């Protein structure tokens, strides 16, 4: 499995945040959008935490189980699952005191 860099993951999360925000805006305009607006709001919060923490040992998102249980397939759902998988592969650099 390829190693995931923080910058690559951050870019992917930023892209997903843009897509989630766009889906929220579709809901607000009364247009069809994937997932519920409440779920999208929760996902947005989790993606923001993932981007800020960037360490799966400290924070793991809970949204993937809901994406898997959602009755509809969507490209956004597939990307959200990919992000969760890639995030889980992040191997943070050890701090000097941990390397000993």
N, C-alpha and C. Protein backbone atom coordinates (compact mmCIF):
# COMPACT_ATOMS: atom_id res chain seq x y z
N UNK A 1 0.83 -1.19 0.00
CA UNK A 1 0.00 0.00 0.00
C UNK A 1 0.87 1.25 0.00
N UNK A 2 0.52 2.21 -0.84
CA UNK A 2 1.31 3.44 -0.86
C UNK A 2 1.12 4.25 0.41
N UNK A 3 2.19 4.91 0.80
CA UNK A 3 2.11 5.76 1.99
C UNK A 3 1.41 7.06 1.63
N UNK A 4 0.62 7.55 2.54
CA UNK A 4 -0.13 8.79 2.33
C UNK A 4 0.62 9.92 3.01
N UNK A 5 0.88 10.98 2.27
CA UNK A 5 1.54 12.14 2.87
C UNK A 5 0.49 13.10 3.42
N UNK A 6 0.90 13.87 4.38
CA UNK A 6 -0.02 14.84 4.98
C UNK A 6 -0.52 15.86 3.96
N UNK A 7 0.36 16.31 3.06
CA UNK A 7 -0.06 17.32 2.09
C UNK A 7 -1.05 16.75 1.09
N UNK A 8 -0.84 15.51 0.65
CA UNK A 8 -1.78 14.86 -0.26
C UNK A 8 -3.12 14.67 0.41
N UNK A 9 -3.10 14.22 1.65
CA UNK A 9 -4.34 13.99 2.39
C UNK A 9 -5.06 15.30 2.64
N UNK A 10 -4.32 16.33 2.99
CA UNK A 10 -4.92 17.65 3.25
C UNK A 10 -5.62 18.17 1.99
N UNK A 11 -4.97 18.01 0.84
CA UNK A 11 -5.57 18.45 -0.42
C UNK A 11 -6.86 17.68 -0.71
N UNK A 12 -6.84 16.37 -0.47
CA UNK A 12 -8.02 15.54 -0.70
C UNK A 12 -9.15 15.95 0.24
N UNK A 13 -8.83 16.18 1.51
CA UNK A 13 -9.85 16.60 2.47
C UNK A 13 -10.42 17.97 2.11
N UNK A 14 -9.57 18.89 1.66
CA UNK A 14 -10.05 20.21 1.24
C UNK A 14 -11.01 20.09 0.07
N UNK A 15 -10.68 19.22 -0.88
CA UNK A 15 -11.56 18.99 -2.03
C UNK A 15 -12.90 18.41 -1.59
N UNK A 16 -12.85 17.47 -0.66
CA UNK A 16 -14.08 16.88 -0.13
C UNK A 16 -14.92 17.89 0.63
N UNK A 17 -14.28 18.73 1.40
CA UNK A 17 -15.01 19.78 2.13
C UNK A 17 -15.76 20.69 1.15
N UNK A 18 -15.13 21.00 0.04
CA UNK A 18 -15.79 21.82 -0.99
C UNK A 18 -17.01 21.09 -1.55
N UNK A 19 -16.87 19.79 -1.82
CA UNK A 19 -17.98 19.00 -2.35
C UNK A 19 -19.12 18.87 -1.34
N UNK A 20 -18.77 18.66 -0.08
CA UNK A 20 -19.80 18.54 0.96
C UNK A 20 -20.53 19.87 1.12
N UNK A 21 -19.79 20.97 1.10
CA UNK A 21 -20.42 22.29 1.20
C UNK A 21 -21.35 22.53 0.01
N UNK A 22 -20.94 22.11 -1.18
CA UNK A 22 -21.79 22.26 -2.37
C UNK A 22 -23.09 21.46 -2.22
N UNK A 23 -23.00 20.25 -1.66
CA UNK A 23 -24.19 19.44 -1.44
C UNK A 23 -25.11 20.09 -0.41
N UNK A 24 -24.53 20.67 0.63
CA UNK A 24 -25.33 21.39 1.64
C UNK A 24 -26.07 22.55 0.98
N UNK A 25 -25.38 23.27 0.11
CA UNK A 25 -26.01 24.41 -0.57
C UNK A 25 -27.14 23.96 -1.50
N UNK A 26 -26.98 22.79 -2.14
CA UNK A 26 -28.07 22.25 -2.96
C UNK A 26 -29.31 22.01 -2.10
N UNK A 27 -29.11 21.41 -0.93
CA UNK A 27 -30.23 21.19 0.00
C UNK A 27 -30.89 22.51 0.37
N UNK A 28 -30.08 23.50 0.67
CA UNK A 28 -30.62 24.80 1.09
C UNK A 28 -31.43 25.47 -0.02
N UNK A 29 -31.11 25.15 -1.28
CA UNK A 29 -31.86 25.69 -2.41
C UNK A 29 -33.06 24.82 -2.78
N UNK A 30 -33.24 23.72 -2.05
CA UNK A 30 -34.35 22.82 -2.33
C UNK A 30 -34.11 21.90 -3.50
N UNK A 31 -32.87 21.74 -3.90
CA UNK A 31 -32.51 20.89 -5.03
C UNK A 31 -32.07 19.51 -4.54
N UNK A 32 -32.15 18.50 -5.40
CA UNK A 32 -31.70 17.16 -5.00
C UNK A 32 -30.20 17.16 -4.70
N UNK A 33 -29.84 16.45 -3.65
CA UNK A 33 -28.44 16.34 -3.24
C UNK A 33 -28.25 15.00 -2.55
N UNK A 34 -27.02 14.48 -2.59
CA UNK A 34 -26.77 13.21 -1.91
C UNK A 34 -26.82 13.39 -0.39
N UNK A 35 -27.32 12.39 0.27
CA UNK A 35 -27.38 12.36 1.73
C UNK A 35 -28.31 13.45 2.28
N UNK A 36 -28.50 13.41 3.58
CA UNK A 36 -29.35 14.42 4.22
C UNK A 36 -28.49 15.61 4.62
N UNK A 37 -29.12 16.74 4.78
CA UNK A 37 -28.37 17.95 5.16
C UNK A 37 -27.75 17.78 6.54
N UNK A 38 -28.44 17.10 7.43
CA UNK A 38 -27.89 16.88 8.78
C UNK A 38 -26.64 16.00 8.72
N UNK A 39 -26.71 14.92 7.93
CA UNK A 39 -25.56 14.05 7.77
C UNK A 39 -24.39 14.82 7.16
N UNK A 40 -24.67 15.61 6.13
CA UNK A 40 -23.61 16.38 5.48
C UNK A 40 -22.95 17.37 6.45
N UNK A 41 -23.75 17.97 7.32
CA UNK A 41 -23.19 18.86 8.33
C UNK A 41 -22.25 18.13 9.28
N UNK A 42 -22.66 16.92 9.68
CA UNK A 42 -21.80 16.10 10.55
C UNK A 42 -20.52 15.69 9.83
N UNK A 43 -20.64 15.31 8.56
CA UNK A 43 -19.47 14.91 7.78
C UNK A 43 -18.51 16.10 7.64
N UNK A 44 -19.05 17.27 7.39
CA UNK A 44 -18.21 18.46 7.26
C UNK A 44 -17.39 18.68 8.53
N UNK A 45 -18.03 18.55 9.68
CA UNK A 45 -17.33 18.70 10.96
C UNK A 45 -16.23 17.65 11.10
N UNK A 46 -16.54 16.41 10.74
CA UNK A 46 -15.54 15.35 10.86
C UNK A 46 -14.37 15.56 9.90
N UNK A 47 -14.65 15.99 8.68
CA UNK A 47 -13.57 16.26 7.73
C UNK A 47 -12.67 17.39 8.23
N UNK A 48 -13.27 18.40 8.83
CA UNK A 48 -12.48 19.51 9.40
C UNK A 48 -11.59 19.01 10.53
N UNK A 49 -12.11 18.12 11.37
CA UNK A 49 -11.29 17.55 12.45
C UNK A 49 -10.16 16.70 11.88
N UNK A 50 -10.48 15.90 10.87
CA UNK A 50 -9.45 15.07 10.24
C UNK A 50 -8.33 15.95 9.70
N UNK A 51 -8.69 17.04 9.01
CA UNK A 51 -7.69 17.93 8.41
C UNK A 51 -6.85 18.63 9.48
N UNK A 52 -7.45 18.94 10.61
CA UNK A 52 -6.73 19.63 11.68
C UNK A 52 -5.81 18.68 12.44
N UNK A 53 -6.25 17.46 12.68
CA UNK A 53 -5.51 16.52 13.53
C UNK A 53 -4.51 15.70 12.73
N UNK A 54 -4.91 15.19 11.59
CA UNK A 54 -4.05 14.41 10.69
C UNK A 54 -3.32 13.26 11.40
N UNK A 55 -4.01 12.60 12.30
CA UNK A 55 -3.42 11.46 13.00
C UNK A 55 -4.54 10.48 13.37
N UNK A 56 -4.62 9.36 12.65
CA UNK A 56 -5.70 8.40 12.93
C UNK A 56 -5.60 7.73 14.30
N UNK A 57 -4.44 7.88 14.95
CA UNK A 57 -4.33 7.33 16.31
C UNK A 57 -5.08 8.21 17.31
N UNK A 58 -5.26 9.48 16.96
CA UNK A 58 -5.91 10.44 17.85
C UNK A 58 -7.38 10.63 17.49
N UNK A 59 -7.68 10.70 16.20
CA UNK A 59 -9.07 10.93 15.78
C UNK A 59 -9.42 10.05 14.59
N UNK A 60 -10.52 9.33 14.71
CA UNK A 60 -11.06 8.52 13.62
C UNK A 60 -12.49 8.98 13.35
N UNK A 61 -12.83 9.23 12.09
CA UNK A 61 -14.19 9.67 11.78
C UNK A 61 -15.19 8.53 11.95
N UNK A 62 -16.43 8.89 12.26
CA UNK A 62 -17.48 7.88 12.41
C UNK A 62 -18.39 7.82 11.19
N UNK A 63 -18.25 8.76 10.26
CA UNK A 63 -19.18 8.81 9.14
C UNK A 63 -19.15 7.59 8.21
N UNK A 64 -18.03 6.85 8.06
CA UNK A 64 -18.03 5.76 7.09
C UNK A 64 -19.13 4.72 7.30
N UNK A 65 -19.45 4.39 8.53
CA UNK A 65 -20.48 3.37 8.75
C UNK A 65 -21.83 3.85 8.25
N UNK A 66 -22.09 5.15 8.34
CA UNK A 66 -23.36 5.69 7.85
C UNK A 66 -23.38 5.74 6.32
N UNK A 67 -22.23 6.02 5.70
CA UNK A 67 -22.16 6.01 4.23
C UNK A 67 -22.44 4.60 3.73
N UNK A 68 -21.86 3.61 4.39
CA UNK A 68 -22.07 2.23 3.97
C UNK A 68 -23.52 1.80 4.12
N UNK A 69 -24.20 2.31 5.14
CA UNK A 69 -25.60 1.95 5.38
C UNK A 69 -26.59 2.78 4.57
N UNK A 70 -26.12 3.84 3.92
CA UNK A 70 -27.02 4.72 3.18
C UNK A 70 -27.59 3.94 1.99
N UNK A 71 -28.91 4.05 1.74
CA UNK A 71 -29.53 3.24 0.69
C UNK A 71 -29.14 3.63 -0.74
N UNK A 72 -28.62 4.81 -0.95
CA UNK A 72 -28.27 5.27 -2.29
C UNK A 72 -26.76 5.24 -2.49
N UNK A 73 -26.35 4.95 -3.73
CA UNK A 73 -24.94 5.06 -4.08
C UNK A 73 -24.70 6.48 -4.59
N UNK A 74 -23.54 7.00 -4.31
CA UNK A 74 -23.20 8.32 -4.85
C UNK A 74 -21.69 8.44 -4.99
N UNK A 75 -21.27 9.27 -5.92
CA UNK A 75 -19.84 9.52 -6.11
C UNK A 75 -19.26 10.17 -4.85
N UNK A 76 -20.03 11.05 -4.23
CA UNK A 76 -19.56 11.69 -2.99
C UNK A 76 -19.35 10.65 -1.91
N UNK A 77 -20.26 9.71 -1.78
CA UNK A 77 -20.11 8.64 -0.79
C UNK A 77 -18.86 7.82 -1.03
N UNK A 78 -18.59 7.51 -2.30
CA UNK A 78 -17.38 6.75 -2.63
C UNK A 78 -16.13 7.53 -2.25
N UNK A 79 -16.12 8.83 -2.52
CA UNK A 79 -14.96 9.66 -2.17
C UNK A 79 -14.79 9.78 -0.66
N UNK A 80 -15.91 9.86 0.06
CA UNK A 80 -15.84 9.93 1.53
C UNK A 80 -15.24 8.65 2.09
N UNK A 81 -15.63 7.51 1.54
CA UNK A 81 -15.07 6.24 2.01
C UNK A 81 -13.58 6.15 1.68
N UNK A 82 -13.19 6.62 0.50
CA UNK A 82 -11.77 6.63 0.13
C UNK A 82 -10.96 7.51 1.08
N UNK A 83 -11.53 8.66 1.43
CA UNK A 83 -10.83 9.57 2.34
C UNK A 83 -10.61 8.91 3.70
N UNK A 84 -11.63 8.22 4.19
CA UNK A 84 -11.50 7.55 5.48
C UNK A 84 -10.42 6.47 5.42
N UNK A 85 -10.41 5.72 4.33
CA UNK A 85 -9.40 4.67 4.16
C UNK A 85 -7.99 5.27 4.10
N UNK A 86 -7.82 6.29 3.29
CA UNK A 86 -6.51 6.93 3.17
C UNK A 86 -6.07 7.58 4.48
N UNK A 87 -7.00 8.20 5.17
CA UNK A 87 -6.69 8.84 6.45
C UNK A 87 -6.17 7.79 7.44
N UNK A 88 -6.75 6.61 7.41
CA UNK A 88 -6.31 5.54 8.30
C UNK A 88 -4.89 5.07 8.01
N UNK A 89 -4.38 5.37 6.82
CA UNK A 89 -3.02 4.96 6.43
C UNK A 89 -1.96 5.99 6.79
N UNK A 90 -2.37 7.14 7.27
CA UNK A 90 -1.39 8.18 7.63
C UNK A 90 -0.52 7.66 8.76
N UNK A 91 0.76 7.79 8.59
CA UNK A 91 1.71 7.41 9.63
C UNK A 91 2.44 8.68 10.06
N UNK A 92 1.95 9.31 11.12
CA UNK A 92 2.59 10.55 11.58
C UNK A 92 4.05 10.31 11.95
N UNK A 93 4.85 11.33 11.72
CA UNK A 93 6.25 11.25 12.12
C UNK A 93 6.32 11.21 13.62
N UNK A 94 7.24 10.40 14.12
CA UNK A 94 7.42 10.32 15.57
C UNK A 94 8.12 11.57 16.07
N UNK A 95 7.68 12.02 17.21
CA UNK A 95 8.35 13.13 17.86
C UNK A 95 9.68 12.61 18.40
N UNK A 96 10.68 13.47 18.56
CA UNK A 96 11.99 13.01 19.03
C UNK A 96 11.91 12.19 20.31
N UNK A 97 11.04 12.55 21.24
CA UNK A 97 10.98 11.79 22.50
C UNK A 97 10.34 10.41 22.30
N UNK A 98 9.55 10.23 21.21
CA UNK A 98 8.94 8.92 20.93
C UNK A 98 9.92 7.99 20.23
N UNK A 99 10.93 8.55 19.57
CA UNK A 99 11.86 7.75 18.78
C UNK A 99 12.85 6.98 19.66
N UNK A 100 12.96 7.33 20.89
CA UNK A 100 13.94 6.70 21.78
C UNK A 100 13.46 5.36 22.27
